[in-house]
Amino acid sequence: MPTSTGLQLRPFRAVRYDPAGAGELSTVICPPYDDIGPAHARALCRRPHHIARLLYAHDPQAAAGRLERWLQRGVLVRDTRPALYVYQQQLGPRVLQRGLIGELTLSRGGSPSVLPHEDVQAHVVGQRAAHMAGLRAQLEPLLLTYRSSERSADRVIADITRRQPLAVAHIGGITHTLWASTAQAEQDVVTRHLEGCQALIADGHHRHAACRQLSAQENRSSWHSGLALLVDSTTHPLRLTAIHRVIPGLEPDKAAVAAADVARVRPLPHGPQRPGPGELVLTGAGRAWSITDPDPRALDDALAGRPPQWRDLPAAIADHLLLACAWSVSDLPGAVQHVHDVHQAASAVAAPGQGTAVLLPDITEDTVRQLAGEGVLLPRKSTSFGPKPAAGLALRVLDTP
């Protein structure tokens, strides 16, 4: 069980697609679960061996049967030797991300070795847990970022990437490459590299909580570990951006007037722009406003019972001061859409009658780490770390009990 000594990443025998049975790898893997819309997911599920048929399955037991059939027919195969896997995403000559995939030991007692930074929804955790337990598999790794001053592993990882890769796939211009390290000496270097390190969950809060939930249940020792991708941000920093709010049923002019009751609102004559520090940008129907300087009393009321650090968080101001208090927008499904790209968010409401968008400024990884270390969870949908790993490259499939 991990303690404050650091992260424990163990080799495992990954289950992977065999091109001889599944076809070209690029046609059966996909972006992560949360990055695909319903229509795209349905289209992918029509492909015979696509990972989406497992990832988006409504019946975990039926999906488990499909997974077993794919293993029996050789569509999926389990590697013969336990390995740590090096995973890289590359755009042309530029390496976007490089990290290590393995089985990460998860604390059952709240060890500080893995820090969440966003809150989770209990019903979503339950759904993820039911899916994972029914399938007895993890189809995509948690994305964790850490910082290490130990550089010996960098040389080992670089050497591994000079070998023949296990798998190469292309999705949307990004090249995804996977290598395996089965040598004990290399794995020992990685173990020492992770000693004393503390990881921040960049993506996968609900899946992490689902593993913890399954681990706490009787006879669930298999879930004391979870499939994870660890990325050292000192060598390959992840991209960190804000997540923006689109409210289809809100008229922008009325939103600007109501926002002026709780903050300073100024028109932006040249249209929407990327928000600066301490600023939100309201836009819709070709118009835009800058929102700054929240009224202290209104902010106190909106954030009553919340951590004091939330006063400086853009997502907390957007969700609680504006959406909940100023605009009385419900927290029902579909009332608010979360969009990761600032230009897509602004474009979604550019025409009259399409609603209103609230554009949020980016926050830094240092801020996220500091708050997580203090035990302060950010509002949901505050941050977007990337690039995220593809689903389907290396699966963790538990042995049949």
Protein backbone atom coordinates (compact mmCIF):
# COMPACT_ATOMS: atom_id res chain seq x y z
CA MET A 1 0.00 0.00 0.00
CA PRO A 2 1.51 3.37 -0.96
CA THR A 3 2.48 5.88 1.64
CA SER A 4 4.07 9.27 1.40
CA THR A 5 7.14 7.50 -0.11
CA GLY A 6 5.65 8.02 -3.54
CA LEU A 7 3.98 6.33 -6.48
CA GLN A 8 4.02 2.60 -7.15
CA LEU A 9 3.59 1.70 -10.81
CA ARG A 10 3.73 -2.03 -11.49
CA PRO A 11 4.25 -3.92 -14.77
CA PHE A 12 1.22 -5.79 -16.11
CA ARG A 13 0.22 -7.89 -19.10
CA ALA A 14 -1.78 -5.53 -21.27
CA VAL A 15 -4.54 -6.73 -23.56
CA ARG A 16 -4.12 -5.17 -27.01
CA TYR A 17 -5.67 -5.33 -30.45
CA ASP A 18 -4.05 -7.77 -32.88
CA PRO A 19 -4.20 -6.18 -36.36
CA ALA A 20 -4.43 -9.68 -37.88
CA GLY A 21 -7.83 -10.13 -36.28
CA ALA A 22 -9.02 -6.56 -35.73
CA GLY A 23 -7.68 -4.75 -38.77
CA GLU A 24 -5.81 -1.45 -38.85
CA LEU A 25 -5.39 -0.18 -35.27
CA SER A 26 -6.38 3.38 -36.18
CA THR A 27 -9.87 2.13 -37.11
CA VAL A 28 -10.66 0.46 -33.78
CA ILE A 29 -9.38 2.88 -31.11
CA CYS A 30 -10.78 6.32 -30.35
CA PRO A 31 -10.41 9.50 -28.29
CA PRO A 32 -11.31 9.22 -24.59
CA TYR A 33 -14.88 8.69 -23.37
CA ASP A 34 -15.71 12.32 -22.55
CA ASP A 35 -14.32 13.71 -25.81
CA ILE A 36 -16.86 12.07 -28.13
CA GLY A 37 -20.39 13.30 -28.69
CA PRO A 38 -23.39 10.92 -28.79
CA ALA A 39 -23.72 10.92 -32.59
CA HIS A 40 -20.02 10.16 -33.10
CA ALA A 41 -20.17 7.41 -30.45
CA ARG A 42 -23.14 5.76 -32.19
CA ALA A 43 -21.30 5.83 -35.50
CA LEU A 44 -18.21 4.21 -33.99
CA CYS A 45 -20.31 1.53 -32.29
CA ARG A 46 -21.46 0.33 -35.73
CA ARG A 47 -17.91 -0.80 -36.52
CA PRO A 48 -17.48 -4.54 -35.77
CA HIS A 49 -14.51 -4.52 -33.35
CA HIS A 50 -14.33 -0.88 -32.34
CA ILE A 51 -13.44 -0.16 -28.70
CA ALA A 52 -16.53 2.08 -28.57
CA ARG A 53 -18.67 -1.08 -28.51
CA LEU A 54 -17.22 -1.75 -25.06
CA LEU A 55 -16.67 1.82 -23.93
CA TYR A 56 -20.25 3.01 -24.51
CA ALA A 57 -22.05 -0.24 -23.70
CA HIS A 58 -25.24 0.26 -21.68
CA ASP A 59 -25.21 -3.38 -20.53
CA PRO A 60 -21.83 -4.22 -18.92
CA GLN A 61 -22.62 -7.94 -18.82
CA ALA A 62 -23.30 -8.03 -22.56
CA ALA A 63 -20.10 -6.03 -23.14
CA ALA A 64 -18.18 -8.51 -20.98
CA GLY A 65 -19.41 -11.31 -23.22
CA ARG A 66 -18.30 -9.39 -26.30
CA LEU A 67 -14.87 -8.76 -24.74
CA GLU A 68 -14.49 -12.47 -23.97
CA ARG A 69 -15.43 -13.41 -27.54
CA TRP A 70 -12.87 -10.96 -28.93
CA LEU A 71 -10.21 -12.56 -26.73
CA GLN A 72 -11.19 -16.07 -27.79
CA ARG A 73 -11.13 -15.13 -31.48
CA GLY A 74 -7.80 -13.30 -31.28
CA VAL A 75 -9.21 -9.85 -31.99
CA LEU A 76 -7.63 -8.92 -28.67
CA VAL A 77 -4.56 -10.67 -27.25
CA ARG A 78 -2.83 -10.51 -23.88
CA ASP A 79 0.90 -9.79 -23.87
CA THR A 80 2.96 -12.77 -22.74
CA ARG A 81 5.19 -10.89 -20.28
CA PRO A 82 4.43 -8.15 -17.73
CA ALA A 83 5.65 -4.79 -18.93
CA LEU A 84 5.67 -1.10 -18.28
CA TYR A 85 4.56 0.69 -21.42
CA VAL A 86 5.89 3.94 -22.82
CA TYR A 87 3.13 5.89 -24.57
CA GLN A 88 3.71 8.91 -26.79
CA GLN A 89 1.52 11.31 -28.72
CA GLN A 90 3.16 13.24 -31.53
CA LEU A 91 2.03 15.90 -34.01
CA GLY A 92 4.46 15.97 -36.92
CA PRO A 93 7.94 16.35 -35.42
CA ARG A 94 6.63 17.66 -32.11
CA VAL A 95 6.16 15.30 -29.14
CA LEU A 96 3.00 16.43 -27.36
CA GLN A 97 3.14 13.95 -24.52
CA ARG A 98 5.21 11.00 -23.33
CA GLY A 99 4.55 8.92 -20.25
CA LEU A 100 4.43 5.52 -18.58
CA ILE A 101 1.44 3.15 -18.48
CA GLY A 102 1.16 0.51 -15.77
CA GLU A 103 -0.89 -0.64 -12.81
CA LEU A 104 -0.80 2.10 -10.19
CA THR A 105 -1.35 1.02 -6.60
CA LEU A 106 -4.24 3.05 -5.20
CA SER A 107 -4.45 4.02 -1.56
CA ARG A 108 -7.34 2.68 0.49
CA GLY A 109 -6.70 5.17 3.27
CA GLY A 110 -6.27 8.52 1.62
CA SER A 111 -2.54 8.49 0.88
CA PRO A 112 -1.29 11.81 -0.49
CA SER A 113 0.52 10.06 -3.35
CA VAL A 114 -2.42 10.73 -5.72
CA LEU A 115 -4.28 14.02 -5.43
CA PRO A 116 -7.70 14.72 -6.97
CA HIS A 117 -8.38 18.33 -7.85
CA GLU A 118 -12.06 18.24 -8.87
CA ASP A 119 -15.16 17.03 -7.10
CA VAL A 120 -17.13 14.07 -8.45
CA GLN A 121 -20.81 13.21 -8.80
CA ALA A 122 -21.87 10.12 -6.86
CA HIS A 123 -24.21 8.79 -9.57
CA VAL A 124 -21.47 9.07 -12.23
CA VAL A 125 -19.01 7.25 -9.95
CA GLY A 126 -21.62 4.51 -9.51
CA GLN A 127 -22.09 4.22 -13.27
CA ARG A 128 -18.33 3.98 -13.88
CA ALA A 129 -17.93 1.41 -11.10
CA ALA A 130 -20.77 -0.75 -12.45
CA HIS A 131 -19.30 -0.62 -15.96
CA MET A 132 -15.78 -1.51 -14.80
CA ALA A 133 -16.98 -4.28 -12.46
CA GLY A 134 -19.29 -5.81 -15.07
CA LEU A 135 -16.63 -5.71 -17.77
CA ARG A 136 -13.84 -6.65 -15.32
CA ALA A 137 -11.65 -4.32 -17.31
CA GLN A 138 -10.35 -0.78 -17.67
CA LEU A 139 -10.39 0.44 -21.24
CA GLU A 140 -8.58 3.77 -20.79
CA PRO A 141 -5.97 4.83 -18.25
CA LEU A 142 -6.23 7.56 -15.68
CA LEU A 143 -4.13 10.53 -16.75
CA LEU A 144 -1.83 11.64 -13.92
CA THR A 145 0.84 14.33 -13.94
CA TYR A 146 3.77 14.43 -11.54
CA ARG A 147 7.10 16.19 -11.14
CA SER A 148 10.41 14.46 -10.58
CA SER A 149 13.91 15.81 -10.09
CA GLU A 150 15.34 12.34 -10.85
CA ARG A 151 16.41 12.26 -14.48
CA SER A 152 17.83 8.73 -14.84
CA ALA A 153 14.47 7.41 -16.07
CA ASP A 154 14.45 9.96 -18.89
CA ARG A 155 17.41 8.22 -20.53
CA VAL A 156 15.80 4.80 -20.11
CA ILE A 157 12.51 6.00 -21.58
CA ALA A 158 14.34 7.67 -24.49
CA ASP A 159 16.19 4.40 -25.18
CA ILE A 160 12.89 2.48 -25.18
CA THR A 161 11.40 4.84 -27.78
CA ARG A 162 14.27 4.03 -30.15
CA ARG A 163 13.11 0.42 -30.36
CA GLN A 164 10.52 -1.10 -32.63
CA PRO A 165 7.12 -0.02 -31.25
CA LEU A 166 4.41 -2.46 -30.26
CA ALA A 167 1.66 -0.37 -31.79
CA VAL A 168 1.21 2.77 -33.88
CA ALA A 169 -2.11 4.46 -34.60
CA HIS A 170 -3.26 7.77 -36.06
CA ILE A 171 -6.27 9.77 -34.86
CA GLY A 172 -6.97 13.24 -36.21
CA GLY A 173 -3.40 13.98 -37.23
CA ILE A 174 -1.94 12.74 -33.93
CA THR A 175 0.37 9.71 -33.97
CA HIS A 176 -0.07 7.41 -30.97
CA THR A 177 2.86 5.05 -30.31
CA LEU A 178 3.30 2.34 -27.69
CA TRP A 179 6.49 0.58 -26.59
CA ALA A 180 7.04 -2.09 -23.91
CA SER A 181 9.74 -2.46 -21.28
CA THR A 182 10.01 -5.99 -19.89
CA ALA A 183 13.58 -5.69 -18.53
CA GLN A 184 13.80 -5.75 -14.73
CA ALA A 185 16.69 -3.27 -14.72
CA GLU A 186 14.67 -0.70 -16.65
CA GLN A 187 11.65 -1.21 -14.42
CA ASP A 188 13.83 -0.72 -11.33
CA VAL A 189 15.00 2.65 -12.68
CA VAL A 190 11.39 3.72 -13.16
CA THR A 191 10.54 2.60 -9.60
CA ARG A 192 13.32 4.76 -8.17
CA HIS A 193 12.26 7.61 -10.47
CA LEU A 194 8.78 7.64 -8.90
CA GLU A 195 9.95 7.47 -5.28
CA GLY A 196 8.86 10.55 -3.37
CA CYS A 197 6.67 11.77 -6.23
CA GLN A 198 3.09 12.93 -5.82
CA ALA A 199 0.69 12.75 -8.76
CA LEU A 200 -2.17 15.05 -9.63
CA ILE A 201 -5.19 13.54 -11.36
CA ALA A 202 -5.33 15.39 -14.68
CA ASP A 203 -8.20 13.35 -16.11
CA GLY A 204 -10.27 10.47 -14.77
CA HIS A 205 -11.60 11.68 -11.40
CA HIS A 206 -14.76 9.58 -11.67
CA ARG A 207 -12.86 6.47 -12.77
CA HIS A 208 -10.39 6.94 -9.91
CA ALA A 209 -13.25 7.26 -7.44
CA ALA A 210 -14.89 4.20 -9.01
CA CYS A 211 -11.73 2.14 -8.46
CA ARG A 212 -11.64 3.32 -4.84
CA GLN A 213 -15.30 2.37 -4.45
CA LEU A 214 -14.72 -1.11 -5.88
CA SER A 215 -11.58 -1.53 -3.79
CA ALA A 216 -13.56 -0.83 -0.63
CA GLN A 217 -16.01 -3.62 -1.39
CA GLU A 218 -15.40 -7.13 -0.11
CA ASN A 219 -13.36 -9.43 -2.35
CA ARG A 220 -12.34 -6.59 -4.64
CA SER A 221 -8.56 -6.78 -4.18
CA SER A 222 -8.13 -6.56 -7.97
CA TRP A 223 -9.24 -2.94 -7.73
CA HIS A 224 -6.53 -1.93 -5.26
CA SER A 225 -4.70 -0.96 -8.46
CA GLY A 226 -5.82 0.99 -11.49
CA LEU A 227 -4.67 1.46 -15.06
CA ALA A 228 -2.79 4.75 -15.20
CA LEU A 229 -0.67 6.90 -17.50
CA LEU A 230 1.93 8.92 -15.57
CA VAL A 231 3.38 11.97 -17.31
CA ASP A 232 6.33 13.88 -15.84
CA SER A 233 5.41 17.53 -16.33
CA THR A 234 9.02 18.65 -15.86
CA THR A 235 9.88 17.05 -19.21
CA HIS A 236 6.50 16.82 -20.98
CA PRO A 237 4.12 19.37 -19.48
CA LEU A 238 0.47 18.81 -20.26
CA ARG A 239 -1.65 21.52 -21.82
CA LEU A 240 -4.06 23.05 -19.29
CA THR A 241 -7.05 25.06 -20.47
CA ALA A 242 -10.36 26.24 -19.07
CA ILE A 243 -13.75 24.68 -19.81
CA HIS A 244 -16.35 27.17 -21.00
CA ARG A 245 -20.11 27.33 -20.35
CA VAL A 246 -22.76 27.52 -23.08
CA ILE A 247 -26.34 28.20 -21.95
CA PRO A 248 -28.72 27.60 -24.89
CA GLY A 249 -31.80 29.04 -23.17
CA LEU A 250 -30.29 32.34 -21.99
CA GLU A 251 -30.56 35.58 -23.97
CA PRO A 252 -27.21 37.45 -23.92
CA ASP A 253 -28.63 40.97 -23.50
CA LYS A 254 -30.70 39.92 -20.50
CA ALA A 255 -27.73 38.01 -19.10
CA ALA A 256 -25.53 41.12 -19.31
CA VAL A 257 -28.11 43.26 -17.49
CA ALA A 258 -28.54 40.68 -14.72
CA ALA A 259 -24.77 40.20 -14.38
CA ALA A 260 -24.38 43.94 -13.78
CA ASP A 261 -26.21 43.51 -10.49
CA VAL A 262 -23.42 41.32 -9.10
CA ALA A 263 -20.27 42.41 -10.97
CA ARG A 264 -18.73 45.04 -13.21
CA VAL A 265 -19.90 44.58 -16.81
CA ARG A 266 -18.34 46.43 -19.75
CA PRO A 267 -19.18 46.04 -23.47
CA LEU A 268 -16.44 44.69 -25.74
CA PRO A 269 -16.88 46.65 -28.99
CA HIS A 270 -14.76 44.24 -31.05
CA GLY A 271 -16.63 41.11 -30.02
CA PRO A 272 -15.60 38.13 -27.90
CA GLN A 273 -11.99 37.71 -26.87
CA ARG A 274 -10.01 35.28 -24.76
CA PRO A 275 -10.50 36.32 -21.11
CA GLY A 276 -7.59 37.70 -19.15
CA PRO A 277 -6.79 36.93 -15.51
CA GLY A 278 -9.66 37.86 -13.22
CA GLU A 279 -12.05 38.26 -16.15
CA LEU A 280 -14.97 36.35 -17.62
CA VAL A 281 -16.30 37.11 -21.10
CA LEU A 282 -20.01 36.93 -21.81
CA THR A 283 -20.97 36.56 -25.45
CA GLY A 284 -23.90 35.80 -27.73
CA ALA A 285 -25.62 37.02 -30.92
CA GLY A 286 -22.46 38.79 -32.08
CA ARG A 287 -22.05 40.87 -28.90
CA ALA A 288 -19.67 40.48 -25.98
CA TRP A 289 -19.09 41.87 -22.48
CA SER A 290 -16.23 41.76 -20.01
CA ILE A 291 -17.21 40.71 -16.46
CA THR A 292 -14.82 41.60 -13.62
CA ASP A 293 -14.81 42.72 -9.97
CA PRO A 294 -17.58 40.60 -8.43
CA ASP A 295 -19.54 42.36 -5.70
CA PRO A 296 -18.05 41.05 -2.42
CA ARG A 297 -21.39 40.62 -0.65
CA ALA A 298 -23.01 38.90 -3.60
CA LEU A 299 -19.99 36.61 -3.89
CA ASP A 300 -20.18 35.79 -0.17
CA ASP A 301 -23.82 34.79 -0.58
CA ALA A 302 -23.16 32.76 -3.72
CA LEU A 303 -20.26 30.84 -2.18
CA ALA A 304 -21.66 30.34 1.32
CA GLY A 305 -20.31 27.10 2.72
CA ARG A 306 -17.65 26.82 0.02
CA PRO A 307 -13.87 27.04 0.57
CA PRO A 308 -12.62 30.64 0.74
CA GLN A 309 -10.17 29.88 -2.09
CA TRP A 310 -13.12 29.58 -4.45
CA ARG A 311 -13.51 33.37 -4.44
CA ASP A 312 -10.64 33.58 -6.96
CA LEU A 313 -11.68 30.66 -9.16
CA PRO A 314 -13.31 31.55 -12.51
CA ALA A 315 -15.48 28.40 -12.57
CA ALA A 316 -16.85 29.11 -9.09
CA ILE A 317 -17.77 32.67 -10.08
CA ALA A 318 -19.33 31.50 -13.35
CA ASP A 319 -21.32 28.62 -11.86
CA HIS A 320 -22.40 30.06 -8.53
CA LEU A 321 -22.46 33.85 -8.84
CA LEU A 322 -23.68 34.12 -12.45
CA LEU A 323 -25.44 30.89 -13.45
CA ALA A 324 -27.07 30.10 -10.11
CA CYS A 325 -27.61 33.51 -8.53
CA ALA A 326 -27.78 36.17 -11.26
CA TRP A 327 -29.44 34.04 -13.96
CA SER A 328 -31.22 31.28 -11.98
CA VAL A 329 -30.06 28.64 -14.47
CA SER A 330 -30.98 25.18 -13.23
CA ASP A 331 -28.48 22.40 -12.70
CA LEU A 332 -30.56 20.03 -14.81
CA PRO A 333 -29.04 17.99 -17.69
CA GLY A 334 -28.82 20.04 -20.86
CA ALA A 335 -29.26 23.41 -19.18
CA VAL A 336 -25.53 24.10 -19.44
CA GLN A 337 -23.13 22.67 -22.01
CA HIS A 338 -19.41 22.45 -21.27
CA VAL A 339 -17.15 23.25 -24.21
CA HIS A 340 -13.38 22.83 -24.11
CA ASP A 341 -12.43 25.15 -26.98
CA VAL A 342 -12.91 28.89 -26.53
CA HIS A 343 -13.57 29.50 -30.24
CA GLN A 344 -16.13 26.68 -30.44
CA ALA A 345 -17.92 28.08 -27.40
CA ALA A 346 -18.12 31.56 -28.92
CA SER A 347 -19.16 30.20 -32.32
CA ALA A 348 -21.93 28.09 -30.79
CA VAL A 349 -23.83 31.25 -29.78
CA ALA A 350 -22.73 33.61 -32.54
CA ALA A 351 -26.15 33.76 -34.21
CA PRO A 352 -29.24 35.28 -32.54
CA GLY A 353 -31.38 32.80 -30.65
CA GLN A 354 -28.56 30.35 -29.96
CA GLY A 355 -28.05 31.34 -26.34
CA THR A 356 -25.17 32.71 -24.31
CA ALA A 357 -21.61 31.59 -23.62
CA VAL A 358 -19.40 32.36 -20.64
CA LEU A 359 -15.73 32.17 -21.57
CA LEU A 360 -13.34 31.42 -18.69
CA PRO A 361 -9.64 32.27 -18.36
CA ASP A 362 -7.06 29.52 -17.99
CA ILE A 363 -5.60 28.76 -14.58
CA THR A 364 -2.10 27.41 -14.00
CA GLU A 365 -1.05 23.92 -12.98
CA ASP A 366 0.75 25.47 -9.99
CA THR A 367 -2.56 26.88 -8.77
CA VAL A 368 -4.30 23.54 -9.23
CA ARG A 369 -1.51 21.69 -7.41
CA GLN A 370 -1.45 24.17 -4.55
CA LEU A 371 -5.20 23.91 -3.96
CA ALA A 372 -5.18 20.11 -4.30
CA GLY A 373 -2.37 19.93 -1.76
CA GLU A 374 -4.49 21.98 0.62
CA GLY A 375 -7.38 19.58 0.13
CA VAL A 376 -9.43 22.12 -1.85
CA LEU A 377 -11.36 20.58 -4.75
CA LEU A 378 -12.19 22.82 -7.69
CA PRO A 379 -15.73 23.13 -9.04
CA ARG A 380 -16.63 20.44 -11.55
CA LYS A 381 -15.58 21.11 -15.14
CA SER A 382 -12.96 23.68 -14.13
CA THR A 383 -9.95 22.39 -16.05
CA SER A 384 -9.05 20.42 -19.14
CA PHE A 385 -5.65 18.74 -19.17
CA GLY A 386 -4.37 17.28 -22.39
CA PRO A 387 -3.63 15.68 -24.62
CA LYS A 388 -5.57 12.77 -23.13
CA PRO A 389 -4.69 9.16 -23.93
CA ALA A 390 -6.60 7.26 -26.57
CA ALA A 391 -8.96 4.49 -25.50
CA GLY A 392 -8.10 0.99 -26.68
CA LEU A 393 -4.32 0.98 -27.02
CA ALA A 394 -3.54 -0.95 -23.81
CA LEU A 395 -6.39 -2.49 -21.79
CA ARG A 396 -6.29 -3.83 -18.24
CA VAL A 397 -8.43 -6.96 -18.27
CA LEU A 398 -8.73 -8.82 -14.99
CA ASP A 399 -8.42 -12.59 -14.92
CA THR A 400 -11.69 -14.52 -14.67
CA PRO A 401 -12.35 -15.20 -10.96
